[in-house]
Protein backbone atom coordinates (compact mmCIF):
# COMPACT_ATOMS: atom_id res chain seq x y z
CA UNK A 1 79.63 -62.18 88.06
CA UNK A 2 77.81 -59.58 86.10
CA UNK A 3 75.45 -58.92 88.98
CA UNK A 4 78.42 -58.31 91.21
CA UNK A 5 79.50 -55.34 89.14
CA UNK A 6 82.35 -56.55 87.02
CA UNK A 7 81.11 -54.60 84.07
CA UNK A 8 81.57 -50.86 84.15
CA UNK A 9 84.35 -50.85 86.81
CA UNK A 10 86.48 -53.07 84.85
CA UNK A 11 86.83 -51.58 81.33
CA UNK A 12 90.16 -50.69 79.90
CA UNK A 13 91.06 -49.20 76.56
CA UNK A 14 94.18 -50.48 74.92
CA UNK A 15 95.06 -46.98 73.54
CA UNK A 16 95.16 -45.62 77.16
CA UNK A 17 98.07 -48.01 77.75
CA UNK A 18 99.88 -47.47 74.47
CA UNK A 19 99.29 -51.16 73.65
CA UNK A 20 97.42 -52.32 70.59
CA UNK A 21 95.54 -55.63 70.39
CA UNK A 22 96.41 -58.38 69.62
CA UNK A 23 99.52 -57.66 71.96
CA UNK A 24 98.67 -59.92 74.80
CA UNK A 25 100.07 -57.47 77.39
CA UNK A 26 96.73 -55.60 77.35
CA UNK A 27 94.96 -58.86 78.26
CA UNK A 28 97.43 -59.36 80.99
CA UNK A 29 96.67 -55.98 82.47
CA UNK A 30 92.91 -56.76 82.57
CA UNK A 31 93.67 -60.22 84.02
CA UNK A 32 95.54 -58.53 86.81
CA UNK A 33 92.85 -55.99 87.47
CA UNK A 34 90.12 -58.72 87.75
CA UNK A 35 92.36 -61.05 89.68
CA UNK A 36 91.02 -64.07 87.91
CA UNK A 37 92.75 -67.07 86.21
CA UNK A 38 92.92 -67.08 82.42
CA UNK A 39 90.63 -70.14 82.14
CA UNK A 40 87.81 -68.08 83.58
CA UNK A 41 88.20 -65.10 81.27
CA UNK A 42 86.30 -64.49 77.96
CA UNK A 43 86.81 -61.67 75.47
CA UNK A 44 84.09 -60.75 73.05
CA UNK A 45 84.98 -58.93 69.95
CA UNK A 46 84.25 -58.51 66.27
CA UNK A 47 87.88 -58.73 64.85
CA UNK A 48 89.42 -62.13 64.38
CA UNK A 49 92.96 -60.89 64.19
CA UNK A 50 92.81 -58.33 67.03
CA UNK A 51 90.21 -59.75 69.48
CA UNK A 52 89.98 -63.48 68.93
CA UNK A 53 93.62 -64.11 68.19
CA UNK A 54 94.76 -61.69 70.90
CA UNK A 55 92.61 -63.21 73.52
CA UNK A 56 93.47 -66.78 72.58
CA UNK A 57 97.21 -65.98 72.53
CA UNK A 58 96.82 -64.54 76.14
CA UNK A 59 95.15 -67.72 77.32
CA UNK A 60 91.66 -66.45 77.35
CA UNK A 61 88.62 -67.92 75.74
CA UNK A 62 87.09 -65.75 72.91
CA UNK A 63 83.64 -65.21 71.36
CA UNK A 64 83.63 -63.80 67.82
CA UNK A 65 80.80 -61.50 66.86
CA UNK A 66 80.52 -61.97 63.12
CA UNK A 67 79.10 -58.53 62.52
CA UNK A 68 79.87 -58.36 58.87
CA UNK A 69 78.61 -61.87 58.09
CA UNK A 70 81.98 -63.24 56.91
CA UNK A 71 81.55 -66.69 55.38
CA UNK A 72 85.04 -68.01 55.59
CA UNK A 73 87.92 -66.75 57.83
CA UNK A 74 91.36 -66.96 56.40
CA UNK A 75 94.10 -66.05 58.93
CA UNK A 76 96.77 -63.79 57.53
């Protein structure tokens, strides 16, 4: 799918919509734009609370980039 140009054309910024992650509405907007089912969508991010929890709550799969080498994650 990357070779078909999904990257670049399909980037949204939550602030442009007045929605902050982890609000799942931002993920729903992107899903509608892509016209793909939740089980085929992945979100890659470096924030557990905003990126991973938000994506998972929206029904997406998530990939966490542990940029700061956190050893243990404790959900707030």
